[in-house]
Amino acid sequence: MSSLDLINVVKRFGELTVIDGVDLDITEGEFVVFVGPSGCGKSTLLRMIAGLEEISSGELRIAGNRMNETPPAKRNIAMVFQSYALYPHMNVERNLGFALETARLPAAEIRERVTKAARFLQIDHLLDRRPAQLSGGQQQRVAIGRALVRQQKLFLFDEPLSNLDADLRMEMRVEIARIHREMKATTVYVTHDQMEAMTLADRIVVLKEGRIAQAGTPMELYERPANRFVASFIGSPRMNFLPGTLTQDGEESVLTLFGTPHRLPAHDYAGEVTVGIRPEDLILGGGEVTLTADVLLVEPLGGEALVHLNVEDGRSIVVKVQGKPDIRPGATTSVGWNHTRANLFDKDERALSRKGA
């Protein structure tokens, strides 16, 4: 296993800066996921780690050794791409072992590694088939196996599940989690799917415009987002946002929403704020803060339902409830939340904390 350190890493294409001063330490055996919207730089950053993109400035270290000038083949990494890139004229066995053949390993060792990886990935019965005879999930297993047989210290995944349907993505998430748990290899994984990030990662790195917006465990990002961007990106359905004003009144703060004041624990801030509440933290019928709302739509999802509401300024919010609520579109209801479940963001979209917290 290898540690990975990014020290003020920058990537420029001419005048355009796409990675802007990234600092990140990844420990041995850690599973780190890069997420963010399209164009945020997550795949570029991964390619810089792999050596497929040059680093404009800053330093990359693997296992404590500077790697900026080291070619990809000598970085002790294995990479799984979004495209499976399997050789169509070779069977699974040769696809798995081809990199070892080019490295001139003995045939007996190649056979041993390929057999072990195929058995580990449960594709040992497919060794004689060619890629065209495989399903998408089987092809993805072969692509992962091709990385495993190289026995490298660092594994990189660039959106490996994006070409699969929903059921296969779920199946392969479980498989990748199992592989990491059993191999304990240092892994960096890029995805646009925050569900993959939440279920796979030891730590998530959320990128925005080439910078780290926040890094932390999945639950840290979910429960304590550092800013509105992270709050909106992590969680499905996305967090609801409402405009308000925060003032101070002695040992308390007063949050004014749609002209109605609500007393809160004291915060070290006064001015315009955004209130963020996750759909599962909203309560039909009210809470410590209560608003009047009109029901727009009820989406039954089996064991739970999504209720779409219009609140007092015509803004739409979503409530996630268990079971099937006895409520119909066109009805007027109340909705609320408890203070401890709400997030407050200042005018610069940074998260606010309570006084003394």
Protein backbone atom coordinates (compact mmCIF):
# COMPACT_ATOMS: atom_id res chain seq x y z
CA MET A 1 0.00 0.00 0.00
CA SER A 2 1.07 3.61 -0.56
CA SER A 3 0.21 6.98 0.88
CA LEU A 4 -0.54 9.82 -1.52
CA ASP A 5 0.19 13.52 -0.95
CA LEU A 6 -0.88 16.43 -3.13
CA ILE A 7 0.90 19.65 -2.15
CA ASN A 8 -0.48 22.90 -3.65
CA VAL A 9 -1.05 21.11 -6.97
CA VAL A 10 -1.99 23.31 -9.94
CA LYS A 11 -2.92 22.44 -13.52
CA ARG A 12 -3.11 25.06 -16.25
CA PHE A 13 -4.04 24.78 -19.90
CA GLY A 14 -2.61 28.01 -21.28
CA GLU A 15 -4.33 30.84 -19.39
CA LEU A 16 -7.01 28.51 -17.99
CA THR A 17 -6.46 27.13 -14.49
CA VAL A 18 -8.44 23.91 -14.01
CA ILE A 19 -6.83 22.69 -10.75
CA ASP A 20 -6.12 25.55 -8.40
CA GLY A 21 -3.89 24.78 -5.43
CA VAL A 22 -5.13 21.40 -4.18
CA ASP A 23 -3.68 20.15 -0.88
CA LEU A 24 -4.65 16.61 0.13
CA ASP A 25 -3.13 13.79 2.17
CA ILE A 26 -4.39 10.24 1.56
CA THR A 27 -3.23 7.61 4.02
CA GLU A 28 -2.27 4.02 3.25
CA GLY A 29 -5.31 1.81 2.68
CA GLU A 30 -7.76 4.72 2.53
CA PHE A 31 -10.62 4.81 0.00
CA VAL A 32 -11.05 8.41 -1.16
CA VAL A 33 -13.71 9.52 -3.65
CA PHE A 34 -13.54 12.71 -5.74
CA VAL A 35 -16.98 14.12 -6.55
CA GLY A 36 -18.28 17.31 -8.06
CA PRO A 37 -20.20 18.64 -11.05
CA SER A 38 -18.99 18.30 -14.63
CA GLY A 39 -15.96 20.49 -15.25
CA CYS A 40 -14.89 20.69 -11.60
CA GLY A 41 -11.53 19.03 -12.33
CA LYS A 42 -11.98 15.64 -10.65
CA SER A 43 -10.89 13.52 -13.63
CA THR A 44 -8.05 15.91 -14.45
CA LEU A 45 -6.78 15.57 -10.88
CA LEU A 46 -6.92 11.78 -11.13
CA ARG A 47 -5.01 11.85 -14.43
CA MET A 48 -2.34 14.03 -12.79
CA ILE A 49 -1.94 11.39 -10.08
CA ALA A 50 -1.65 8.73 -12.78
CA GLY A 51 0.92 10.76 -14.73
CA LEU A 52 -1.34 11.17 -17.76
CA GLU A 53 -1.42 14.96 -17.25
CA GLU A 54 1.59 17.05 -16.31
CA ILE A 55 1.53 19.06 -13.07
CA SER A 56 1.93 22.77 -13.78
CA SER A 57 3.13 23.52 -10.24
CA GLY A 58 3.08 21.92 -6.80
CA GLU A 59 4.17 18.43 -5.85
CA LEU A 60 2.81 14.90 -5.99
CA ARG A 61 4.24 12.28 -3.64
CA ILE A 62 3.50 8.55 -3.58
CA ALA A 63 4.81 6.68 -0.54
CA GLY A 64 6.77 9.82 0.33
CA ASN A 65 8.58 9.98 -3.02
CA ARG A 66 8.21 12.90 -5.43
CA MET A 67 6.52 11.71 -8.62
CA ASN A 68 6.11 14.85 -10.74
CA GLU A 69 8.64 13.75 -13.34
CA THR A 70 8.14 9.97 -12.96
CA PRO A 71 6.47 8.34 -16.00
CA PRO A 72 3.14 6.55 -15.42
CA ALA A 73 4.62 3.05 -15.82
CA LYS A 74 6.98 3.62 -12.90
CA ARG A 75 4.48 5.05 -10.39
CA ASN A 76 3.29 1.68 -9.05
CA ILE A 77 -0.34 2.46 -9.88
CA ALA A 78 -3.15 0.57 -11.58
CA MET A 79 -6.00 2.45 -13.25
CA VAL A 80 -9.52 1.43 -14.27
CA PHE A 81 -11.05 3.73 -16.88
CA GLN A 82 -14.64 4.67 -17.68
CA SER A 83 -14.17 2.81 -20.96
CA TYR A 84 -13.36 -0.83 -20.29
CA ALA A 85 -10.79 -0.75 -23.13
CA LEU A 86 -10.64 -4.53 -23.43
CA TYR A 87 -8.87 -6.11 -26.38
CA PRO A 88 -11.72 -7.51 -28.52
CA HIS A 89 -9.58 -10.17 -30.24
CA MET A 90 -8.31 -11.63 -26.95
CA ASN A 91 -10.19 -13.86 -24.54
CA VAL A 92 -10.66 -12.91 -20.89
CA GLU A 93 -7.58 -14.83 -19.79
CA ARG A 94 -5.29 -12.96 -22.17
CA ASN A 95 -6.95 -9.62 -21.42
CA LEU A 96 -6.20 -10.18 -17.75
CA GLY A 97 -2.61 -11.22 -18.31
CA PHE A 98 -1.52 -9.09 -21.26
CA ALA A 99 0.18 -6.38 -19.18
CA LEU A 100 2.12 -9.11 -17.39
CA GLU A 101 3.14 -10.61 -20.73
CA THR A 102 4.52 -7.28 -21.92
CA ALA A 103 6.41 -6.99 -18.61
CA ARG A 104 7.98 -10.39 -19.49
CA LEU A 105 6.89 -12.17 -16.33
CA PRO A 106 7.26 -15.98 -16.34
CA ALA A 107 4.27 -17.80 -17.81
CA ALA A 108 3.67 -19.74 -14.61
CA GLU A 109 3.46 -16.54 -12.55
CA ILE A 110 1.12 -14.94 -15.10
CA ARG A 111 -1.14 -17.97 -14.97
CA GLU A 112 -1.15 -17.93 -11.17
CA ARG A 113 -2.00 -14.23 -10.93
CA VAL A 114 -4.71 -14.44 -13.59
CA THR A 115 -6.31 -17.50 -11.99
CA LYS A 116 -6.26 -15.89 -8.55
CA ALA A 117 -7.79 -12.60 -9.79
CA ALA A 118 -10.44 -14.38 -11.87
CA ARG A 119 -11.48 -16.53 -8.91
CA PHE A 120 -11.51 -13.47 -6.63
CA LEU A 121 -13.80 -11.59 -9.06
CA GLN A 122 -15.93 -14.67 -9.78
CA ILE A 123 -15.15 -14.66 -13.50
CA ASP A 124 -13.00 -17.81 -13.58
CA HIS A 125 -15.70 -19.56 -15.65
CA LEU A 126 -15.40 -16.84 -18.34
CA LEU A 127 -11.69 -17.10 -19.12
CA ASP A 128 -12.24 -18.54 -22.63
CA ARG A 129 -14.79 -15.92 -23.70
CA ARG A 130 -14.10 -12.76 -25.66
CA PRO A 131 -15.36 -9.31 -24.53
CA ALA A 132 -18.26 -9.31 -27.02
CA GLN A 133 -19.64 -12.40 -25.29
CA LEU A 134 -19.72 -10.69 -21.86
CA SER A 135 -22.32 -8.53 -20.15
CA GLY A 136 -21.45 -4.99 -19.06
CA GLY A 137 -20.90 -6.10 -15.48
CA GLN A 138 -18.65 -8.97 -16.57
CA GLN A 139 -16.60 -6.63 -18.77
CA GLN A 140 -16.19 -4.27 -15.83
CA ARG A 141 -14.95 -7.15 -13.67
CA VAL A 142 -12.37 -8.00 -16.33
CA ALA A 143 -11.22 -4.36 -16.40
CA ILE A 144 -10.84 -4.41 -12.61
CA GLY A 145 -9.10 -7.78 -12.77
CA ARG A 146 -6.60 -6.42 -15.26
CA ALA A 147 -5.65 -3.84 -12.63
CA LEU A 148 -5.58 -6.37 -9.79
CA VAL A 149 -3.15 -8.78 -11.46
CA ARG A 150 -0.51 -6.05 -11.59
CA GLN A 151 -0.43 -6.03 -7.77
CA GLN A 152 0.27 -2.31 -7.58
CA LYS A 153 0.24 -0.19 -4.44
CA LEU A 154 -2.27 2.44 -5.57
CA PHE A 155 -5.56 1.95 -7.45
CA LEU A 156 -7.26 4.70 -9.47
CA PHE A 157 -10.84 4.45 -10.76
CA ASP A 158 -12.20 6.99 -13.26
CA GLU A 159 -16.03 6.76 -13.25
CA PRO A 160 -15.90 2.96 -13.77
CA LEU A 161 -19.64 2.34 -13.35
CA SER A 162 -21.10 5.13 -15.48
CA ASN A 163 -21.78 2.80 -18.45
CA LEU A 164 -23.83 0.33 -16.38
CA ASP A 165 -27.56 0.32 -15.65
CA ALA A 166 -28.87 1.00 -12.13
CA ASP A 167 -28.98 -2.63 -10.97
CA LEU A 168 -25.47 -3.39 -12.24
CA ARG A 169 -24.11 -0.20 -10.67
CA MET A 170 -25.46 -1.31 -7.31
CA GLU A 171 -24.00 -4.79 -7.79
CA MET A 172 -20.60 -3.43 -8.77
CA ARG A 173 -20.57 -0.94 -5.87
CA VAL A 174 -20.87 -3.89 -3.53
CA GLU A 175 -18.13 -5.71 -5.46
CA ILE A 176 -15.71 -2.76 -5.37
CA ALA A 177 -16.35 -2.30 -1.64
CA ARG A 178 -15.59 -5.99 -1.10
CA ILE A 179 -12.39 -5.79 -3.14
CA HIS A 180 -11.16 -2.82 -1.12
CA ARG A 181 -12.12 -4.39 2.19
CA GLU A 182 -10.22 -7.58 1.40
CA MET A 183 -7.21 -6.06 -0.37
CA LYS A 184 -6.95 -2.91 1.78
CA ALA A 185 -5.32 -1.08 -1.14
CA THR A 186 -5.08 2.71 -1.25
CA THR A 187 -7.81 3.76 -3.68
CA VAL A 188 -8.78 7.01 -5.37
CA TYR A 189 -12.15 6.89 -7.12
CA VAL A 190 -13.78 9.52 -9.34
CA THR A 191 -17.55 9.68 -9.82
CA HIS A 192 -20.33 12.16 -10.54
CA ASP A 193 -22.73 9.95 -8.56
CA GLN A 194 -22.91 11.07 -4.93
CA MET A 195 -24.64 7.79 -4.01
CA GLU A 196 -21.49 5.92 -5.05
CA ALA A 197 -19.42 8.36 -3.03
CA MET A 198 -21.55 7.99 0.11
CA THR A 199 -21.56 4.18 0.01
CA LEU A 200 -17.92 3.55 -0.97
CA ALA A 201 -15.77 6.26 0.56
CA ASP A 202 -13.80 6.43 3.76
CA ARG A 203 -13.47 10.10 2.85
CA ILE A 204 -15.13 12.23 0.18
CA VAL A 205 -13.44 15.18 -1.52
CA VAL A 206 -15.95 17.59 -3.05
CA LEU A 207 -14.43 19.69 -5.83
CA LYS A 208 -15.72 22.97 -7.19
CA GLU A 209 -13.99 24.87 -10.00
CA GLY A 210 -10.70 23.11 -9.39
CA ARG A 211 -10.61 23.63 -5.64
CA ILE A 212 -11.57 21.48 -2.67
CA ALA A 213 -14.91 22.73 -1.32
CA GLN A 214 -14.79 20.25 1.58
CA ALA A 215 -13.17 16.93 2.47
CA GLY A 216 -14.43 14.59 5.17
CA THR A 217 -16.24 11.36 5.93
CA PRO A 218 -19.58 10.83 4.18
CA MET A 219 -21.55 11.62 7.35
CA GLU A 220 -19.45 14.71 8.11
CA LEU A 221 -20.33 16.14 4.71
CA TYR A 222 -23.96 15.08 5.05
CA GLU A 223 -24.54 16.38 8.58
CA ARG A 224 -22.06 19.30 8.72
CA PRO A 225 -21.57 20.73 5.22
CA ALA A 226 -19.05 23.58 5.24
CA ASN A 227 -20.94 25.62 2.67
CA ARG A 228 -24.12 25.72 0.64
CA PHE A 229 -22.46 24.11 -2.39
CA VAL A 230 -21.55 20.95 -0.47
CA ALA A 231 -24.96 20.93 1.24
CA SER A 232 -26.71 20.98 -2.12
CA PHE A 233 -24.43 18.41 -3.74
CA ILE A 234 -24.52 15.73 -1.03
CA GLY A 235 -27.89 14.11 -0.38
CA SER A 236 -30.79 12.95 -2.53
CA PRO A 237 -33.25 14.56 -2.89
CA ARG A 238 -31.14 17.68 -2.51
CA MET A 239 -31.38 19.95 0.51
CA ASN A 240 -34.19 22.55 0.59
CA PHE A 241 -33.13 26.21 0.84
CA LEU A 242 -35.17 29.15 2.15
CA PRO A 243 -34.14 32.83 2.47
CA GLY A 244 -34.22 34.51 5.87
CA THR A 245 -32.67 37.12 8.15
CA LEU A 246 -30.81 36.51 11.40
CA THR A 247 -30.66 39.07 14.20
CA GLN A 248 -29.36 38.95 17.77
CA ASP A 249 -31.53 39.34 20.86
CA GLY A 250 -29.52 38.88 24.04
CA GLU A 251 -28.55 35.24 24.45
CA GLU A 252 -30.64 34.16 21.47
CA SER A 253 -30.79 34.68 17.73
CA VAL A 254 -33.99 35.51 15.89
CA LEU A 255 -34.56 33.97 12.46
CA THR A 256 -37.16 35.80 10.39
CA LEU A 257 -38.77 33.76 7.61
CA PHE A 258 -41.46 35.29 5.40
CA GLY A 259 -42.04 38.02 8.00
CA THR A 260 -42.42 35.65 10.98
CA PRO A 261 -39.73 35.61 13.73
CA HIS A 262 -38.48 32.34 15.23
CA ARG A 263 -36.15 32.16 18.24
CA LEU A 264 -32.97 30.08 17.88
CA PRO A 265 -29.89 29.36 19.97
CA ALA A 266 -27.38 32.20 19.65
CA HIS A 267 -25.15 32.45 16.54
CA ASP A 268 -22.16 34.77 16.02
CA TYR A 269 -23.73 36.40 12.98
CA ALA A 270 -26.40 38.88 11.96
CA GLY A 271 -27.70 39.54 8.46
CA GLU A 272 -29.12 37.72 5.47
CA VAL A 273 -29.00 33.94 5.72
CA THR A 274 -30.09 30.86 3.84
CA VAL A 275 -31.78 28.10 5.82
CA GLY A 276 -31.05 24.58 4.59
CA ILE A 277 -33.21 21.61 5.63
CA ARG A 278 -32.93 18.11 4.25
CA PRO A 279 -36.19 16.57 2.97
CA GLU A 280 -36.08 13.82 5.62
CA ASP A 281 -35.77 16.44 8.41
CA LEU A 282 -38.94 18.28 7.44
CA ILE A 283 -42.06 17.40 9.44
CA LEU A 284 -45.56 17.52 7.98
CA GLY A 285 -47.74 19.19 10.60
CA GLY A 286 -44.98 21.43 11.94
CA GLY A 287 -42.04 21.58 14.33
CA GLU A 288 -40.18 24.26 16.26
CA VAL A 289 -40.35 26.36 13.06
CA THR A 290 -43.62 26.01 11.11
CA LEU A 291 -44.70 27.29 7.69
CA THR A 292 -47.97 27.09 5.76
CA ALA A 293 -47.69 25.23 2.45
CA ASP A 294 -49.77 24.05 -0.49
CA VAL A 295 -49.40 20.45 -1.70
CA LEU A 296 -48.25 20.22 -5.33
CA LEU A 297 -47.50 16.54 -5.80
CA VAL A 298 -47.16 13.32 -3.83
CA GLU A 299 -44.70 10.73 -5.18
CA PRO A 300 -45.23 7.31 -3.56
CA LEU A 301 -42.00 5.29 -3.61
CA GLY A 302 -43.16 2.19 -1.77
CA GLY A 303 -41.89 2.42 1.80
CA GLU A 304 -41.59 6.19 1.62
CA ALA A 305 -42.97 9.15 -0.32
CA LEU A 306 -41.82 12.54 -1.55
CA VAL A 307 -44.26 15.37 -0.95
CA HIS A 308 -43.71 18.51 -3.05
CA LEU A 309 -44.94 21.71 -1.43
CA ASN A 310 -45.18 25.41 -2.21
CA VAL A 311 -44.41 27.55 0.83
CA GLU A 312 -45.43 31.12 1.50
CA ASP A 313 -43.35 32.87 -1.17
CA GLY A 314 -44.24 30.32 -3.86
CA ARG A 315 -40.91 28.52 -3.38
CA SER A 316 -40.99 24.76 -3.88
CA ILE A 317 -39.64 22.37 -1.24
CA VAL A 318 -39.63 18.56 -0.91
CA VAL A 319 -40.49 16.50 2.19
CA LYS A 320 -39.48 12.83 2.51
CA VAL A 321 -41.89 10.86 4.69
CA GLN A 322 -42.20 7.20 5.63
CA GLY A 323 -45.12 5.20 4.23
CA LYS A 324 -47.87 6.84 2.18
CA PRO A 325 -49.14 10.11 3.67
CA ASP A 326 -52.86 10.82 3.73
CA ILE A 327 -52.55 14.04 1.78
CA ARG A 328 -53.66 15.15 -1.69
CA PRO A 329 -52.46 17.74 -4.24
CA GLY A 330 -54.27 21.05 -3.77
CA ALA A 331 -54.54 20.67 0.00
CA THR A 332 -53.10 23.23 2.42
CA THR A 333 -50.95 21.92 5.23
CA SER A 334 -48.19 22.99 7.59
CA VAL A 335 -44.58 21.90 7.47
CA GLY A 336 -41.76 22.54 9.88
CA TRP A 337 -38.50 21.41 11.38
CA ASN A 338 -36.57 21.41 14.61
CA HIS A 339 -33.69 23.85 15.13
CA THR A 340 -31.04 21.17 15.52
CA ARG A 341 -31.79 19.75 12.08
CA ALA A 342 -31.43 23.01 10.14
CA ASN A 343 -28.27 24.43 8.55
CA LEU A 344 -27.69 28.18 8.32
CA PHE A 345 -25.46 29.76 5.66
CA ASP A 346 -24.30 33.39 5.58
CA LYS A 347 -24.45 35.72 2.58
CA ASP A 348 -21.17 34.23 1.33
CA GLU A 349 -22.75 30.73 1.55
CA ARG A 350 -20.52 29.59 4.41
CA ALA A 351 -22.03 27.45 7.14
CA LEU A 352 -22.80 29.17 10.45
CA SER A 353 -22.27 27.54 13.82
CA ARG A 354 -23.88 28.27 17.14
CA LYS A 355 -22.13 30.61 19.55
CA GLY A 356 -19.62 28.66 21.59
CA ALA A 357 -19.81 25.56 19.35
